[in-house]
Amino acid sequence: LTAWTWGGLLGIDMLWVHEDHRRGRWGSRLLRAAEAEA
């Protein structure tokens, strides 16, 4: 996941998970980690 932060806002640019791993909840983990860092 790539994103930016500015003035209290998290802006997510891209989130991608390889097709073979999409059922492993990687996307959710990526998103939660970015939100926590934000």
PDB file of all heavy atoms in Angstrom:
ATOM      1  N   LEU A   1       0.861  -1.174   0.000  1.00  0.00           N
ATOM      2  CA  LEU A   1       0.000   0.000   0.000  1.00  0.00           C
ATOM      3  C   LEU A   1       0.897   1.222   0.000  1.00  0.00           C
ATOM      4  O   LEU A   1       1.892   1.266   0.725  1.00  0.00           O
ATOM      5  CB  LEU A   1      -0.874  -0.015   1.255  1.00  0.00           C
ATOM      6  CG  LEU A   1      -1.839   1.143   1.481  1.00  0.00           C
ATOM      7  CD1 LEU A   1      -3.067   0.647   2.249  1.00  0.00           C
ATOM      8  CD2 LEU A   1      -1.203   2.301   2.211  1.00  0.00           C
ATOM      9  N   THR A   2       0.555   2.204  -0.842  1.00  0.00           N
ATOM     10  CA  THR A   2       1.226   3.497  -0.803  1.00  0.00           C
ATOM     11  C   THR A   2       0.184   4.566  -0.526  1.00  0.00           C
ATOM     12  O   THR A   2      -0.969   4.458  -0.950  1.00  0.00           O
ATOM     13  CB  THR A   2       1.970   3.813  -2.117  1.00  0.00           C
ATOM     14  OG1 THR A   2       1.049   3.787  -3.206  1.00  0.00           O
ATOM     15  CG2 THR A   2       3.106   2.823  -2.363  1.00  0.00           C
ATOM     16  N   ALA A   3       0.606   5.580   0.213  1.00  0.00           N
ATOM     17  CA  ALA A   3      -0.326   6.628   0.617  1.00  0.00           C
ATOM     18  C   ALA A   3       0.464   7.880   0.985  1.00  0.00           C
ATOM     19  O   ALA A   3       1.697   7.896   0.947  1.00  0.00           O
ATOM     20  CB  ALA A   3      -1.160   6.156   1.814  1.00  0.00           C
ATOM     21  N   TRP A   4      -0.272   8.900   1.358  1.00  0.00           N
ATOM     22  CA  TRP A   4       0.303  10.143   1.852  1.00  0.00           C
ATOM     23  C   TRP A   4      -0.531  10.622   3.033  1.00  0.00           C
ATOM     24  O   TRP A   4      -1.673  10.211   3.212  1.00  0.00           O
ATOM     25  CB  TRP A   4       0.355  11.215   0.760  1.00  0.00           C
ATOM     26  CG  TRP A   4      -0.954  11.385   0.025  1.00  0.00           C
ATOM     27  CD1 TRP A   4      -1.330  10.762  -1.136  1.00  0.00           C
ATOM     28  CD2 TRP A   4      -2.070  12.199   0.411  1.00  0.00           C
ATOM     29  NE1 TRP A   4      -2.614  11.140  -1.480  1.00  0.00           N
ATOM     30  CE2 TRP A   4      -3.083  12.030  -0.555  1.00  0.00           C
ATOM     31  CE3 TRP A   4      -2.311  13.056   1.489  1.00  0.00           C
ATOM     32  CZ2 TRP A   4      -4.313  12.681  -0.480  1.00  0.00           C
ATOM     33  CZ3 TRP A   4      -3.541  13.705   1.555  1.00  0.00           C
ATOM     34  CH2 TRP A   4      -4.511  13.523   0.568  1.00  0.00           C
ATOM     35  N   THR A   5       0.080  11.456   3.848  1.00  0.00           N
ATOM     36  CA  THR A   5      -0.647  12.091   4.939  1.00  0.00           C
ATOM     37  C   THR A   5      -0.419  13.591   4.835  1.00  0.00           C
ATOM     38  O   THR A   5       0.672  14.051   4.454  1.00  0.00           O
ATOM     39  CB  THR A   5      -0.180  11.589   6.322  1.00  0.00           C
ATOM     40  OG1 THR A   5       1.228  11.797   6.470  1.00  0.00           O
ATOM     41  CG2 THR A   5      -0.498  10.107   6.496  1.00  0.00           C
ATOM     42  N   TRP A   6      -1.456  14.346   5.158  1.00  0.00           N
ATOM     43  CA  TRP A   6      -1.342  15.803   5.116  1.00  0.00           C
ATOM     44  C   TRP A   6      -2.510  16.423   5.866  1.00  0.00           C
ATOM     45  O   TRP A   6      -3.671  16.082   5.596  1.00  0.00           O
ATOM     46  CB  TRP A   6      -1.332  16.311   3.670  1.00  0.00           C
ATOM     47  CG  TRP A   6      -1.282  17.802   3.565  1.00  0.00           C
ATOM     48  CD1 TRP A   6      -0.358  18.639   4.126  1.00  0.00           C
ATOM     49  CD2 TRP A   6      -2.182  18.643   2.847  1.00  0.00           C
ATOM     50  NE1 TRP A   6      -0.633  19.946   3.800  1.00  0.00           N
ATOM     51  CE2 TRP A   6      -1.757  19.977   3.009  1.00  0.00           C
ATOM     52  CE3 TRP A   6      -3.308  18.406   2.086  1.00  0.00           C
ATOM     53  CZ2 TRP A   6      -2.407  21.057   2.441  1.00  0.00           C
ATOM     54  CZ3 TRP A   6      -3.966  19.485   1.514  1.00  0.00           C
ATOM     55  CH2 TRP A   6      -3.512  20.785   1.680  1.00  0.00           C
ATOM     56  N   GLY A   7      -2.211  17.269   6.806  1.00  0.00           N
ATOM     57  CA  GLY A   7      -3.232  18.031   7.495  1.00  0.00           C
ATOM     58  C   GLY A   7      -4.324  17.177   8.121  1.00  0.00           C
ATOM     59  O   GLY A   7      -5.495  17.530   8.057  1.00  0.00           O
ATOM     60  N   GLY A   8      -3.947  16.045   8.693  1.00  0.00           N
ATOM     61  CA  GLY A   8      -4.928  15.183   9.348  1.00  0.00           C
ATOM     62  C   GLY A   8      -5.629  14.205   8.435  1.00  0.00           C
ATOM     63  O   GLY A   8      -6.553  13.510   8.852  1.00  0.00           O
ATOM     64  N   LEU A   9      -5.194  14.118   7.193  1.00  0.00           N
ATOM     65  CA  LEU A   9      -5.840  13.250   6.204  1.00  0.00           C
ATOM     66  C   LEU A   9      -4.866  12.178   5.718  1.00  0.00           C
ATOM     67  O   LEU A   9      -3.712  12.472   5.412  1.00  0.00           O
ATOM     68  CB  LEU A   9      -6.303  14.086   5.017  1.00  0.00           C
ATOM     69  CG  LEU A   9      -7.003  13.362   3.869  1.00  0.00           C
ATOM     70  CD1 LEU A   9      -8.343  12.785   4.332  1.00  0.00           C
ATOM     71  CD2 LEU A   9      -7.222  14.322   2.704  1.00  0.00           C
ATOM     72  N   LEU A  10      -5.352  10.942   5.645  1.00  0.00           N
ATOM     73  CA  LEU A  10      -4.637   9.838   4.998  1.00  0.00           C
ATOM     74  C   LEU A  10      -5.218   9.700   3.602  1.00  0.00           C
ATOM     75  O   LEU A  10      -6.427   9.546   3.443  1.00  0.00           O
ATOM     76  CB  LEU A  10      -4.844   8.531   5.769  1.00  0.00           C
ATOM     77  CG  LEU A  10      -4.450   7.232   5.052  1.00  0.00           C
ATOM     78  CD1 LEU A  10      -2.947   7.170   4.818  1.00  0.00           C
ATOM     79  CD2 LEU A  10      -4.930   6.022   5.841  1.00  0.00           C
ATOM     80  N   GLY A  11      -4.385   9.763   2.587  1.00  0.00           N
ATOM     81  CA  GLY A  11      -4.823   9.571   1.205  1.00  0.00           C
ATOM     82  C   GLY A  11      -4.171   8.321   0.647  1.00  0.00           C
ATOM     83  O   GLY A  11      -2.952   8.282   0.448  1.00  0.00           O
ATOM     84  N   ILE A  12      -4.964   7.300   0.408  1.00  0.00           N
ATOM     85  CA  ILE A  12      -4.431   6.039  -0.110  1.00  0.00           C
ATOM     86  C   ILE A  12      -4.324   6.136  -1.628  1.00  0.00           C
ATOM     87  O   ILE A  12      -5.315   6.398  -2.309  1.00  0.00           O
ATOM     88  CB  ILE A  12      -5.328   4.858   0.307  1.00  0.00           C
ATOM     89  CG1 ILE A  12      -5.387   4.758   1.822  1.00  0.00           C
ATOM     90  CG2 ILE A  12      -4.831   3.551  -0.324  1.00  0.00           C
ATOM     91  CD1 ILE A  12      -6.443   3.812   2.349  1.00  0.00           C
ATOM     92  N   ASP A  13      -3.115   5.931  -2.136  1.00  0.00           N
ATOM     93  CA  ASP A  13      -2.886   5.960  -3.581  1.00  0.00           C
ATOM     94  C   ASP A  13      -3.140   4.591  -4.198  1.00  0.00           C
ATOM     95  O   ASP A  13      -3.927   4.464  -5.119  1.00  0.00           O
ATOM     96  CB  ASP A  13      -1.448   6.394  -3.900  1.00  0.00           C
ATOM     97  CG  ASP A  13      -1.196   7.856  -3.603  1.00  0.00           C
ATOM     98  OD1 ASP A  13      -2.086   8.690  -3.862  1.00  0.00           O
ATOM     99  OD2 ASP A  13      -0.105   8.160  -3.098  1.00  0.00           O
ATOM    100  N   MET A  14      -2.424   3.586  -3.706  1.00  0.00           N
ATOM    101  CA  MET A  14      -2.522   2.257  -4.294  1.00  0.00           C
ATOM    102  C   MET A  14      -2.495   1.197  -3.208  1.00  0.00           C
ATOM    103  O   MET A  14      -1.773   1.324  -2.228  1.00  0.00           O
ATOM    104  CB  MET A  14      -1.357   2.000  -5.255  1.00  0.00           C
ATOM    105  CG  MET A  14      -1.354   2.878  -6.478  1.00  0.00           C
ATOM    106  SD  MET A  14      -0.037   2.427  -7.641  1.00  0.00           S
ATOM    107  CE  MET A  14       1.385   3.155  -6.838  1.00  0.00           C
ATOM    108  N   LEU A  15      -3.290   0.152  -3.415  1.00  0.00           N
ATOM    109  CA  LEU A  15      -3.251  -1.040  -2.565  1.00  0.00           C
ATOM    110  C   LEU A  15      -3.381  -2.216  -3.520  1.00  0.00           C
ATOM    111  O   LEU A  15      -4.332  -2.289  -4.299  1.00  0.00           O
ATOM    112  CB  LEU A  15      -4.398  -1.040  -1.555  1.00  0.00           C
ATOM    113  CG  LEU A  15      -4.344  -2.125  -0.469  1.00  0.00           C
ATOM    114  CD1 LEU A  15      -5.229  -1.724   0.707  1.00  0.00           C
ATOM    115  CD2 LEU A  15      -4.696  -3.495  -0.934  1.00  0.00           C
ATOM    116  N   TRP A  16      -2.412  -3.131  -3.452  1.00  0.00           N
ATOM    117  CA  TRP A  16      -2.420  -4.286  -4.344  1.00  0.00           C
ATOM    118  C   TRP A  16      -1.903  -5.498  -3.601  1.00  0.00           C
ATOM    119  O   TRP A  16      -0.956  -5.400  -2.809  1.00  0.00           O
ATOM    120  CB  TRP A  16      -1.549  -4.026  -5.572  1.00  0.00           C
ATOM    121  CG  TRP A  16      -1.401  -5.213  -6.462  1.00  0.00           C
ATOM    122  CD1 TRP A  16      -2.274  -5.635  -7.426  1.00  0.00           C
ATOM    123  CD2 TRP A  16      -0.319  -6.145  -6.487  1.00  0.00           C
ATOM    124  NE1 TRP A  16      -1.796  -6.775  -8.044  1.00  0.00           N
ATOM    125  CE2 TRP A  16      -0.593  -7.107  -7.468  1.00  0.00           C
ATOM    126  CE3 TRP A  16       0.861  -6.265  -5.744  1.00  0.00           C
ATOM    127  CZ2 TRP A  16       0.261  -8.162  -7.757  1.00  0.00           C
ATOM    128  CZ3 TRP A  16       1.713  -7.323  -6.030  1.00  0.00           C
ATOM    129  CH2 TRP A  16       1.403  -8.252  -7.036  1.00  0.00           C
ATOM    130  N   VAL A  17      -2.536  -6.649  -3.849  1.00  0.00           N
ATOM    131  CA  VAL A  17      -2.090  -7.929  -3.305  1.00  0.00           C
ATOM    132  C   VAL A  17      -2.031  -8.916  -4.466  1.00  0.00           C
ATOM    133  O   VAL A  17      -2.967  -8.997  -5.274  1.00  0.00           O
ATOM    134  CB  VAL A  17      -3.049  -8.445  -2.199  1.00  0.00           C
ATOM    135  CG1 VAL A  17      -2.636  -9.826  -1.722  1.00  0.00           C
ATOM    136  CG2 VAL A  17      -3.102  -7.462  -1.035  1.00  0.00           C
ATOM    137  N   HIS A  18      -0.942  -9.668  -4.533  1.00  0.00           N
ATOM    138  CA  HIS A  18      -0.774 -10.666  -5.588  1.00  0.00           C
ATOM    139  C   HIS A  18      -1.962 -11.625  -5.573  1.00  0.00           C
ATOM    140  O   HIS A  18      -2.444 -12.025  -4.511  1.00  0.00           O
ATOM    141  CB  HIS A  18       0.539 -11.425  -5.375  1.00  0.00           C
ATOM    142  CG  HIS A  18       0.883 -12.324  -6.517  1.00  0.00           C
ATOM    143  ND1 HIS A  18       0.308 -13.570  -6.669  1.00  0.00           N
ATOM    144  CD2 HIS A  18       1.718 -12.149  -7.556  1.00  0.00           C
ATOM    145  CE1 HIS A  18       0.788 -14.135  -7.758  1.00  0.00           C
ATOM    146  NE2 HIS A  18       1.651 -13.280  -8.318  1.00  0.00           N
ATOM    147  N   GLU A  19      -2.397 -12.009  -6.728  1.00  0.00           N
ATOM    148  CA  GLU A  19      -3.584 -12.868  -6.884  1.00  0.00           C
ATOM    149  C   GLU A  19      -3.518 -14.128  -6.020  1.00  0.00           C
ATOM    150  O   GLU A  19      -4.525 -14.551  -5.448  1.00  0.00           O
ATOM    151  CB  GLU A  19      -3.737 -13.235  -8.362  1.00  0.00           C
ATOM    152  CG  GLU A  19      -4.998 -13.968  -8.680  1.00  0.00           C
ATOM    153  CD  GLU A  19      -5.174 -14.217 -10.166  1.00  0.00           C
ATOM    154  OE1 GLU A  19      -4.399 -13.662 -10.977  1.00  0.00           O
ATOM    155  OE2 GLU A  19      -6.082 -14.986 -10.509  1.00  0.00           O
ATOM    156  N   ASP A  20      -2.353 -14.736  -5.898  1.00  0.00           N
ATOM    157  CA  ASP A  20      -2.209 -15.976  -5.125  1.00  0.00           C
ATOM    158  C   ASP A  20      -2.401 -15.773  -3.622  1.00  0.00           C
ATOM    159  O   ASP A  20      -2.519 -16.748  -2.880  1.00  0.00           O
ATOM    160  CB  ASP A  20      -0.825 -16.598  -5.357  1.00  0.00           C
ATOM    161  CG  ASP A  20      -0.631 -17.058  -6.785  1.00  0.00           C
ATOM    162  OD1 ASP A  20      -1.635 -17.200  -7.521  1.00  0.00           O
ATOM    163  OD2 ASP A  20       0.541 -17.278  -7.174  1.00  0.00           O
ATOM    164  N   HIS A  21      -2.412 -14.532  -3.163  1.00  0.00           N
ATOM    165  CA  HIS A  21      -2.472 -14.251  -1.726  1.00  0.00           C
ATOM    166  C   HIS A  21      -3.706 -13.455  -1.313  1.00  0.00           C
ATOM    167  O   HIS A  21      -3.803 -13.017  -0.173  1.00  0.00           O
ATOM    168  CB  HIS A  21      -1.203 -13.506  -1.291  1.00  0.00           C
ATOM    169  CG  HIS A  21       0.031 -14.320  -1.469  1.00  0.00           C
ATOM    170  ND1 HIS A  21       0.466 -15.215  -0.526  1.00  0.00           N
ATOM    171  CD2 HIS A  21       0.906 -14.397  -2.497  1.00  0.00           C
ATOM    172  CE1 HIS A  21       1.572 -15.799  -0.957  1.00  0.00           C
ATOM    173  NE2 HIS A  21       1.858 -15.318  -2.157  1.00  0.00           N
ATOM    174  N   ARG A  22      -4.653 -13.274  -2.216  1.00  0.00           N
ATOM    175  CA  ARG A  22      -5.808 -12.424  -1.921  1.00  0.00           C
ATOM    176  C   ARG A  22      -6.757 -13.027  -0.903  1.00  0.00           C
ATOM    177  O   ARG A  22      -7.542 -12.311  -0.313  1.00  0.00           O
ATOM    178  CB  ARG A  22      -6.542 -12.080  -3.210  1.00  0.00           C
ATOM    179  CG  ARG A  22      -5.681 -11.153  -4.053  1.00  0.00           C
ATOM    180  CD  ARG A  22      -6.387 -10.525  -5.198  1.00  0.00           C
ATOM    181  NE  ARG A  22      -5.406  -9.720  -5.920  1.00  0.00           N
ATOM    182  CZ  ARG A  22      -5.373  -9.567  -7.206  1.00  0.00           C
ATOM    183  NH1 ARG A  22      -6.311 -10.123  -7.950  1.00  0.00           N
ATOM    184  NH2 ARG A  22      -4.443  -8.831  -7.771  1.00  0.00           N
ATOM    185  N   ARG A  23      -6.711 -14.297  -0.660  1.00  0.00           N
ATOM    186  CA  ARG A  23      -7.575 -14.910   0.350  1.00  0.00           C
ATOM    187  C   ARG A  23      -6.916 -14.946   1.726  1.00  0.00           C
ATOM    188  O   ARG A  23      -7.494 -15.418   2.679  1.00  0.00           O
ATOM    189  CB  ARG A  23      -7.964 -16.336  -0.072  1.00  0.00           C
ATOM    190  CG  ARG A  23      -8.803 -16.393  -1.327  1.00  0.00           C
ATOM    191  CD  ARG A  23     -10.193 -15.911  -1.024  1.00  0.00           C
ATOM    192  NE  ARG A  23     -11.012 -15.933  -2.235  1.00  0.00           N
ATOM    193  CZ  ARG A  23     -11.955 -15.064  -2.493  1.00  0.00           C
ATOM    194  NH1 ARG A  23     -12.224 -14.101  -1.640  1.00  0.00           N
ATOM    195  NH2 ARG A  23     -12.653 -15.141  -3.587  1.00  0.00           N
ATOM    196  N   GLY A  24      -5.692 -14.436   1.835  1.00  0.00           N
ATOM    197  CA  GLY A  24      -4.969 -14.485   3.103  1.00  0.00           C
ATOM    198  C   GLY A  24      -5.152 -13.253   3.975  1.00  0.00           C
ATOM    199  O   GLY A  24      -4.401 -13.067   4.922  1.00  0.00           O
ATOM    200  N   ARG A  25      -6.106 -12.411   3.649  1.00  0.00           N
ATOM    201  CA  ARG A  25      -6.411 -11.195   4.419  1.00  0.00           C
ATOM    202  C   ARG A  25      -5.259 -10.196   4.414  1.00  0.00           C
ATOM    203  O   ARG A  25      -5.167  -9.331   5.279  1.00  0.00           O
ATOM    204  CB  ARG A  25      -6.857 -11.531   5.838  1.00  0.00           C
ATOM    205  CG  ARG A  25      -8.016 -12.527   5.844  1.00  0.00           C
ATOM    206  CD  ARG A  25      -9.042 -12.439   6.912  1.00  0.00           C
ATOM    207  NE  ARG A  25      -9.322 -11.180   7.541  1.00  0.00           N
ATOM    208  CZ  ARG A  25     -10.293 -10.335   7.158  1.00  0.00           C
ATOM    209  NH1 ARG A  25     -11.032 -10.609   6.131  1.00  0.00           N
ATOM    210  NH2 ARG A  25     -10.499  -9.222   7.829  1.00  0.00           N
ATOM    211  N   TRP A  26      -4.370 -10.314   3.428  1.00  0.00           N
ATOM    212  CA  TRP A  26      -3.256  -9.381   3.325  1.00  0.00           C
ATOM    213  C   TRP A  26      -3.758  -7.962   3.101  1.00  0.00           C
ATOM    214  O   TRP A  26      -3.225  -7.002   3.673  1.00  0.00           O
ATOM    215  CB  TRP A  26      -2.306  -9.785   2.197  1.00  0.00           C
ATOM    216  CG  TRP A  26      -1.462 -10.972   2.514  1.00  0.00           C
ATOM    217  CD1 TRP A  26      -1.649 -12.250   2.051  1.00  0.00           C
ATOM    218  CD2 TRP A  26      -0.319 -11.020   3.355  1.00  0.00           C
ATOM    219  NE1 TRP A  26      -0.682 -13.080   2.553  1.00  0.00           N
ATOM    220  CE2 TRP A  26       0.151 -12.340   3.362  1.00  0.00           C
ATOM    221  CE3 TRP A  26       0.351 -10.078   4.108  1.00  0.00           C
ATOM    222  CZ2 TRP A  26       1.275 -12.744   4.081  1.00  0.00           C
ATOM    223  CZ3 TRP A  26       1.468 -10.468   4.831  1.00  0.00           C
ATOM    224  CH2 TRP A  26       1.910 -11.792   4.809  1.00  0.00           C
ATOM    225  N   GLY A  27      -4.777  -7.794   2.254  1.00  0.00           N
ATOM    226  CA  GLY A  27      -5.305  -6.459   1.989  1.00  0.00           C
ATOM    227  C   GLY A  27      -5.809  -5.794   3.254  1.00  0.00           C
ATOM    228  O   GLY A  27      -5.547  -4.615   3.510  1.00  0.00           O
ATOM    229  N   SER A  28      -6.529  -6.545   4.080  1.00  0.00           N
ATOM    230  CA  SER A  28      -7.034  -6.011   5.342  1.00  0.00           C
ATOM    231  C   SER A  28      -5.886  -5.627   6.267  1.00  0.00           C
ATOM    232  O   SER A  28      -5.922  -4.585   6.927  1.00  0.00           O
ATOM    233  CB  SER A  28      -7.935  -7.036   6.037  1.00  0.00           C
ATOM    234  OG  SER A  28      -9.087  -7.275   5.265  1.00  0.00           O
ATOM    235  N   ARG A  29      -4.868  -6.454   6.306  1.00  0.00           N
ATOM    236  CA  ARG A  29      -3.718  -6.160   7.165  1.00  0.00           C
ATOM    237  C   ARG A  29      -2.993  -4.901   6.696  1.00  0.00           C
ATOM    238  O   ARG A  29      -2.591  -4.072   7.521  1.00  0.00           O
ATOM    239  CB  ARG A  29      -2.749  -7.332   7.183  1.00  0.00           C
ATOM    240  CG  ARG A  29      -3.298  -8.548   7.884  1.00  0.00           C
ATOM    241  CD  ARG A  29      -2.255  -9.637   7.956  1.00  0.00           C
ATOM    242  NE  ARG A  29      -2.853 -10.882   7.539  1.00  0.00           N
ATOM    243  CZ  ARG A  29      -2.198 -12.018   7.389  1.00  0.00           C
ATOM    244  NH1 ARG A  29      -0.906 -12.067   7.596  1.00  0.00           N
ATOM    245  NH2 ARG A  29      -2.823 -13.111   7.027  1.00  0.00           N
ATOM    246  N   LEU A  30      -2.836  -4.781   5.387  1.00  0.00           N
ATOM    247  CA  LEU A  30      -2.183  -3.589   4.837  1.00  0.00           C
ATOM    248  C   LEU A  30      -2.970  -2.332   5.193  1.00  0.00           C
ATOM    249  O   LEU A  30      -2.403  -1.330   5.641  1.00  0.00           O
ATOM    250  CB  LEU A  30      -2.061  -3.703   3.313  1.00  0.00           C
ATOM    251  CG  LEU A  30      -1.090  -4.744   2.782  1.00  0.00           C
ATOM    252  CD1 LEU A  30      -1.365  -5.029   1.313  1.00  0.00           C
ATOM    253  CD2 LEU A  30       0.352  -4.264   2.982  1.00  0.00           C
ATOM    254  N   LEU A  31      -4.284  -2.395   4.982  1.00  0.00           N
ATOM    255  CA  LEU A  31      -5.131  -1.239   5.239  1.00  0.00           C
ATOM    256  C   LEU A  31      -5.120  -0.865   6.718  1.00  0.00           C
ATOM    257  O   LEU A  31      -4.961   0.312   7.074  1.00  0.00           O
ATOM    258  CB  LEU A  31      -6.561  -1.516   4.757  1.00  0.00           C
ATOM    259  CG  LEU A  31      -7.528  -0.350   4.813  1.00  0.00           C
ATOM    260  CD1 LEU A  31      -7.038   0.840   3.990  1.00  0.00           C
ATOM    261  CD2 LEU A  31      -8.907  -0.798   4.322  1.00  0.00           C
ATOM    262  N   ARG A  32      -5.261  -1.847   7.594  1.00  0.00           N
ATOM    263  CA  ARG A  32      -5.252  -1.571   9.038  1.00  0.00           C
ATOM    264  C   ARG A  32      -3.913  -0.978   9.482  1.00  0.00           C
ATOM    265  O   ARG A  32      -3.870  -0.064  10.314  1.00  0.00           O
ATOM    266  CB  ARG A  32      -5.571  -2.831   9.833  1.00  0.00           C
ATOM    267  CG  ARG A  32      -7.055  -3.166   9.837  1.00  0.00           C
ATOM    268  CD  ARG A  32      -7.413  -4.218  10.885  1.00  0.00           C
ATOM    269  NE  ARG A  32      -6.664  -5.455  10.772  1.00  0.00           N
ATOM    270  CZ  ARG A  32      -7.038  -6.507  10.045  1.00  0.00           C
ATOM    271  NH1 ARG A  32      -8.179  -6.476   9.368  1.00  0.00           N
ATOM    272  NH2 ARG A  32      -6.300  -7.593   9.998  1.00  0.00           N
ATOM    273  N   ALA A  33      -2.823  -1.481   8.927  1.00  0.00           N
ATOM    274  CA  ALA A  33      -1.502  -0.952   9.294  1.00  0.00           C
ATOM    275  C   ALA A  33      -1.352   0.502   8.842  1.00  0.00           C
ATOM    276  O   ALA A  33      -0.816   1.335   9.577  1.00  0.00           O
ATOM    277  CB  ALA A  33      -0.402  -1.818   8.686  1.00  0.00           C
ATOM    278  N   ALA A  34      -1.826   0.818   7.650  1.00  0.00           N
ATOM    279  CA  ALA A  34      -1.745   2.199   7.154  1.00  0.00           C
ATOM    280  C   ALA A  34      -2.612   3.125   8.003  1.00  0.00           C
ATOM    281  O   ALA A  34      -2.190   4.237   8.354  1.00  0.00           O
ATOM    282  CB  ALA A  34      -2.176   2.256   5.688  1.00  0.00           C
ATOM    283  N   GLU A  35      -3.808   2.679   8.343  1.00  0.00           N
ATOM    284  CA  GLU A  35      -4.692   3.497   9.179  1.00  0.00           C
ATOM    285  C   GLU A  35      -4.084   3.724  10.561  1.00  0.00           C
ATOM    286  O   GLU A  35      -4.155   4.835  11.109  1.00  0.00           O
ATOM    287  CB  GLU A  35      -6.060   2.838   9.311  1.00  0.00           C
ATOM    288  CG  GLU A  35      -6.864   2.864   8.027  1.00  0.00           C
ATOM    289  CD  GLU A  35      -8.157   2.070   8.099  1.00  0.00           C
ATOM    290  OE1 GLU A  35      -8.378   1.325   9.087  1.00  0.00           O
ATOM    291  OE2 GLU A  35      -8.958   2.192   7.154  1.00  0.00           O
ATOM    292  N   ALA A  36      -3.462   2.692  11.134  1.00  0.00           N
ATOM    293  CA  ALA A  36      -2.828   2.829  12.445  1.00  0.00           C
ATOM    294  C   ALA A  36      -1.678   3.827  12.386  1.00  0.00           C
ATOM    295  O   ALA A  36      -1.524   4.676  13.274  1.00  0.00           O
ATOM    296  CB  ALA A  36      -2.338   1.466  12.949  1.00  0.00           C
ATOM    297  N   GLU A  37      -0.864   3.750  11.342  1.00  0.00           N
ATOM    298  CA  GLU A  37       0.248   4.694  11.194  1.00  0.00           C
ATOM    299  C   GLU A  37      -0.288   6.109  10.982  1.00  0.00           C
ATOM    300  O   GLU A  37       0.252   7.079  11.522  1.00  0.00           O
ATOM    301  CB  GLU A  37       1.159   4.276  10.043  1.00  0.00           C
ATOM    302  CG  GLU A  37       2.261   5.271   9.722  1.00  0.00           C
ATOM    303  CD  GLU A  37       3.231   5.551  10.876  1.00  0.00           C
ATOM    304  OE1 GLU A  37       3.288   4.774  11.857  1.00  0.00           O
ATOM    305  OE2 GLU A  37       3.955   6.566  10.790  1.00  0.00           O
ATOM    306  N   ALA A  38      -1.365   6.238  10.209  1.00  0.00           N
ATOM    307  CA  ALA A  38      -1.963   7.563   9.992  1.00  0.00           C
ATOM    308  C   ALA A  38      -2.459   8.148  11.309  1.00  0.00           C
ATOM    309  O   ALA A  38      -2.252   9.334  11.587  1.00  0.00           O
ATOM    310  CB  ALA A  38      -3.102   7.462   8.981  1.00  0.00           C
TER     311      ALA A  38
END
